[in-house]
Amino acid sequence: MNTPMGLMELGALELRLSELLGADVDLPVAALRADLSDRVLAEGVTL
């Protein structure tokens, strides 16, 4: 992947891939822009 995505783009891609594959899809935070991935990781909660 050459161009980092925003959070909304990542969510839309995960949703579309889940629909196409018929399975849950979890894309890595590394696919996000650097400024967003830092924030996401800082606010992340382990489930």
PDB file of N, CA and C in Angstrom:
ATOM      1  N   MET A   1       0.850  -1.172   0.000  1.00  0.00           N
ATOM      2  CA  MET A   1       0.000   0.000   0.000  1.00  0.00           C
ATOM      3  C   MET A   1       0.893   1.230   0.000  1.00  0.00           C
ATOM      4  N   ASN A   2       0.740   2.081  -0.977  1.00  0.00           N
ATOM      5  CA  ASN A   2       1.612   3.235  -1.116  1.00  0.00           C
ATOM      6  C   ASN A   2       1.092   4.479  -0.427  1.00  0.00           C
ATOM      7  N   THR A   3      -0.218   4.664  -0.371  1.00  0.00           N
ATOM      8  CA  THR A   3      -0.796   5.870   0.209  1.00  0.00           C
ATOM      9  C   THR A   3      -1.519   5.529   1.505  1.00  0.00           C
ATOM     10  N   PRO A   4      -1.088   6.085   2.637  1.00  0.00           N
ATOM     11  CA  PRO A   4      -1.780   5.825   3.899  1.00  0.00           C
ATOM     12  C   PRO A   4      -3.229   6.316   3.841  1.00  0.00           C
ATOM     13  N   MET A   5      -4.102   5.654   4.579  1.00  0.00           N
ATOM     14  CA  MET A   5      -5.525   5.984   4.596  1.00  0.00           C
ATOM     15  C   MET A   5      -5.901   6.752   5.844  1.00  0.00           C
ATOM     16  N   GLY A   6      -7.034   7.428   5.760  1.00  0.00           N
ATOM     17  CA  GLY A   6      -7.639   8.032   6.932  1.00  0.00           C
ATOM     18  C   GLY A   6      -8.482   6.980   7.635  1.00  0.00           C
ATOM     19  N   LEU A   7      -8.956   7.283   8.816  1.00  0.00           N
ATOM     20  CA  LEU A   7      -9.728   6.345   9.623  1.00  0.00           C
ATOM     21  C   LEU A   7     -11.022   5.921   8.923  1.00  0.00           C
ATOM     22  N   MET A   8     -11.717   6.853   8.299  1.00  0.00           N
ATOM     23  CA  MET A   8     -12.963   6.536   7.606  1.00  0.00           C
ATOM     24  C   MET A   8     -12.707   5.627   6.401  1.00  0.00           C
ATOM     25  N   GLU A   9     -11.637   5.880   5.677  1.00  0.00           N
ATOM     26  CA  GLU A   9     -11.291   5.037   4.528  1.00  0.00           C
ATOM     27  C   GLU A   9     -10.956   3.614   4.980  1.00  0.00           C
ATOM     28  N   LEU A  10     -10.222   3.499   6.070  1.00  0.00           N
ATOM     29  CA  LEU A  10      -9.861   2.193   6.602  1.00  0.00           C
ATOM     30  C   LEU A  10     -11.118   1.430   7.013  1.00  0.00           C
ATOM     31  N   GLY A  11     -12.032   2.109   7.701  1.00  0.00           N
ATOM     32  CA  GLY A  11     -13.277   1.474   8.122  1.00  0.00           C
ATOM     33  C   GLY A  11     -14.120   1.031   6.937  1.00  0.00           C
ATOM     34  N   ALA A  12     -14.210   1.872   5.917  1.00  0.00           N
ATOM     35  CA  ALA A  12     -14.988   1.534   4.728  1.00  0.00           C
ATOM     36  C   ALA A  12     -14.376   0.339   4.002  1.00  0.00           C
ATOM     37  N   LEU A  13     -13.060   0.284   3.930  1.00  0.00           N
ATOM     38  CA  LEU A  13     -12.387  -0.832   3.278  1.00  0.00           C
ATOM     39  C   LEU A  13     -12.611  -2.127   4.049  1.00  0.00           C
ATOM     40  N   GLU A  14     -12.493  -2.075   5.380  1.00  0.00           N
ATOM     41  CA  GLU A  14     -12.741  -3.262   6.196  1.00  0.00           C
ATOM     42  C   GLU A  14     -14.165  -3.771   5.996  1.00  0.00           C
ATOM     43  N   LEU A  15     -15.129  -2.862   5.982  1.00  0.00           N
ATOM     44  CA  LEU A  15     -16.524  -3.239   5.799  1.00  0.00           C
ATOM     45  C   LEU A  15     -16.739  -3.891   4.434  1.00  0.00           C
ATOM     46  N   ARG A  16     -16.213  -3.282   3.395  1.00  0.00           N
ATOM     47  CA  ARG A  16     -16.391  -3.809   2.034  1.00  0.00           C
ATOM     48  C   ARG A  16     -15.727  -5.176   1.888  1.00  0.00           C
ATOM     49  N   LEU A  17     -14.511  -5.320   2.417  1.00  0.00           N
ATOM     50  CA  LEU A  17     -13.831  -6.613   2.341  1.00  0.00           C
ATOM     51  C   LEU A  17     -14.591  -7.682   3.120  1.00  0.00           C
ATOM     52  N   SER A  18     -15.151  -7.320   4.270  1.00  0.00           N
ATOM     53  CA  SER A  18     -15.948  -8.261   5.059  1.00  0.00           C
ATOM     54  C   SER A  18     -17.163  -8.730   4.272  1.00  0.00           C
ATOM     55  N   GLU A  19     -17.808  -7.790   3.573  1.00  0.00           N
ATOM     56  CA  GLU A  19     -18.975  -8.148   2.759  1.00  0.00           C
ATOM     57  C   GLU A  19     -18.574  -9.084   1.623  1.00  0.00           C
ATOM     58  N   LEU A  20     -17.484  -8.785   0.948  1.00  0.00           N
ATOM     59  CA  LEU A  20     -17.044  -9.600  -0.185  1.00  0.00           C
ATOM     60  C   LEU A  20     -16.573 -10.990   0.239  1.00  0.00           C
ATOM     61  N   LEU A  21     -15.877 -11.061   1.366  1.00  0.00           N
ATOM     62  CA  LEU A  21     -15.296 -12.320   1.813  1.00  0.00           C
ATOM     63  C   LEU A  21     -16.222 -13.141   2.694  1.00  0.00           C
ATOM     64  N   GLY A  22     -17.250 -12.489   3.248  1.00  0.00           N
ATOM     65  CA  GLY A  22     -18.152 -13.189   4.151  1.00  0.00           C
ATOM     66  C   GLY A  22     -17.492 -13.546   5.468  1.00  0.00           C
ATOM     67  N   ALA A  23     -16.505 -12.767   5.870  1.00  0.00           N
ATOM     68  CA  ALA A  23     -15.770 -13.008   7.117  1.00  0.00           C
ATOM     69  C   ALA A  23     -15.306 -11.671   7.682  1.00  0.00           C
ATOM     70  N   ASP A  24     -15.051 -11.651   8.985  1.00  0.00           N
ATOM     71  CA  ASP A  24     -14.535 -10.437   9.612  1.00  0.00           C
ATOM     72  C   ASP A  24     -13.150 -10.120   9.061  1.00  0.00           C
ATOM     73  N   VAL A  25     -12.886  -8.836   8.846  1.00  0.00           N
ATOM     74  CA  VAL A  25     -11.592  -8.372   8.357  1.00  0.00           C
ATOM     75  C   VAL A  25     -11.085  -7.307   9.311  1.00  0.00           C
ATOM     76  N   ASP A  26      -9.838  -7.435   9.730  1.00  0.00           N
ATOM     77  CA  ASP A  26      -9.224  -6.456  10.627  1.00  0.00           C
ATOM     78  C   ASP A  26      -7.904  -6.016   9.996  1.00  0.00           C
ATOM     79  N   LEU A  27      -7.908  -4.814   9.435  1.00  0.00           N
ATOM     80  CA  LEU A  27      -6.697  -4.299   8.792  1.00  0.00           C
ATOM     81  C   LEU A  27      -5.790  -3.659   9.837  1.00  0.00           C
ATOM     82  N   PRO A  28      -4.483  -3.713   9.620  1.00  0.00           N
ATOM     83  CA  PRO A  28      -3.537  -3.179  10.604  1.00  0.00           C
ATOM     84  C   PRO A  28      -3.564  -1.656  10.686  1.00  0.00           C
ATOM     85  N   VAL A  29      -3.284  -1.153  11.861  1.00  0.00           N
ATOM     86  CA  VAL A  29      -3.215   0.292  12.082  1.00  0.00           C
ATOM     87  C   VAL A  29      -2.131   0.908  11.208  1.00  0.00           C
ATOM     88  N   ALA A  30      -1.151   0.128  10.805  1.00  0.00           N
ATOM     89  CA  ALA A  30      -0.070   0.632   9.958  1.00  0.00           C
ATOM     90  C   ALA A  30      -0.588   1.162   8.631  1.00  0.00           C
ATOM     91  N   ALA A  31      -1.811   0.788   8.249  1.00  0.00           N
ATOM     92  CA  ALA A  31      -2.398   1.273   7.001  1.00  0.00           C
ATOM     93  C   ALA A  31      -2.864   2.724   7.126  1.00  0.00           C
ATOM     94  N   LEU A  32      -2.953   3.221   8.349  1.00  0.00           N
ATOM     95  CA  LEU A  32      -3.389   4.603   8.584  1.00  0.00           C
ATOM     96  C   LEU A  32      -2.258   5.589   8.386  1.00  0.00           C
ATOM     97  N   ARG A  33      -2.638   6.844   8.186  1.00  0.00           N
ATOM     98  CA  ARG A  33      -1.638   7.917   8.161  1.00  0.00           C
ATOM     99  C   ARG A  33      -0.911   7.920   9.504  1.00  0.00           C
ATOM    100  N   ALA A  34       0.333   8.337   9.498  1.00  0.00           N
ATOM    101  CA  ALA A  34       1.165   8.301  10.707  1.00  0.00           C
ATOM    102  C   ALA A  34       0.541   9.070  11.864  1.00  0.00           C
ATOM    103  N   ASP A  35      -0.019  10.252  11.598  1.00  0.00           N
ATOM    104  CA  ASP A  35      -0.602  11.033  12.685  1.00  0.00           C
ATOM    105  C   ASP A  35      -1.824  10.340  13.282  1.00  0.00           C
ATOM    106  N   LEU A  36      -2.592   9.620  12.475  1.00  0.00           N
ATOM    107  CA  LEU A  36      -3.749   8.905  12.993  1.00  0.00           C
ATOM    108  C   LEU A  36      -3.362   7.626  13.701  1.00  0.00           C
ATOM    109  N   SER A  37      -2.378   6.904  13.170  1.00  0.00           N
ATOM    110  CA  SER A  37      -1.997   5.646  13.804  1.00  0.00           C
ATOM    111  C   SER A  37      -1.429   5.895  15.200  1.00  0.00           C
ATOM    112  N   ASP A  38      -0.672   6.968  15.380  1.00  0.00           N
ATOM    113  CA  ASP A  38      -0.162   7.316  16.712  1.00  0.00           C
ATOM    114  C   ASP A  38      -1.308   7.555  17.682  1.00  0.00           C
ATOM    115  N   ARG A  39      -2.320   8.280  17.230  1.00  0.00           N
ATOM    116  CA  ARG A  39      -3.474   8.586  18.095  1.00  0.00           C
ATOM    117  C   ARG A  39      -4.285   7.328  18.394  1.00  0.00           C
ATOM    118  N   VAL A  40      -4.525   6.513  17.372  1.00  0.00           N
ATOM    119  CA  VAL A  40      -5.288   5.275  17.558  1.00  0.00           C
ATOM    120  C   VAL A  40      -4.578   4.355  18.557  1.00  0.00           C
ATOM    121  N   LEU A  41      -3.278   4.195  18.401  1.00  0.00           N
ATOM    122  CA  LEU A  41      -2.533   3.342  19.314  1.00  0.00           C
ATOM    123  C   LEU A  41      -2.536   3.901  20.732  1.00  0.00           C
ATOM    124  N   ALA A  42      -2.467   5.220  20.875  1.00  0.00           N
ATOM    125  CA  ALA A  42      -2.470   5.835  22.205  1.00  0.00           C
ATOM    126  C   ALA A  42      -3.810   5.668  22.906  1.00  0.00           C
ATOM    127  N   GLU A  43      -4.903   5.644  22.130  1.00  0.00           N
ATOM    128  CA  GLU A  43      -6.247   5.547  22.705  1.00  0.00           C
ATOM    129  C   GLU A  43      -6.794   4.122  22.715  1.00  0.00           C
ATOM    130  N   GLY A  44      -6.013   3.172  22.196  1.00  0.00           N
ATOM    131  CA  GLY A  44      -6.483   1.797  22.079  1.00  0.00           C
ATOM    132  C   GLY A  44      -6.769   1.157  23.425  1.00  0.00           C
ATOM    133  N   VAL A  45      -7.766   0.274  23.431  1.00  0.00           N
ATOM    134  CA  VAL A  45      -8.150  -0.476  24.627  1.00  0.00           C
ATOM    135  C   VAL A  45      -8.109  -1.956  24.279  1.00  0.00           C
ATOM    136  N   THR A  46      -7.428  -2.743  25.071  1.00  0.00           N
ATOM    137  CA  THR A  46      -7.367  -4.173  24.842  1.00  0.00           C
ATOM    138  C   THR A  46      -8.703  -4.801  25.208  1.00  0.00           C
ATOM    139  N   LEU A  47      -9.213  -5.623  24.302  1.00  0.00           N
ATOM    140  CA  LEU A  47     -10.494  -6.302  24.553  1.00  0.00           C
ATOM    141  C   LEU A  47     -10.263  -7.729  24.967  1.00  0.00           C
TER     142      LEU A  47
END
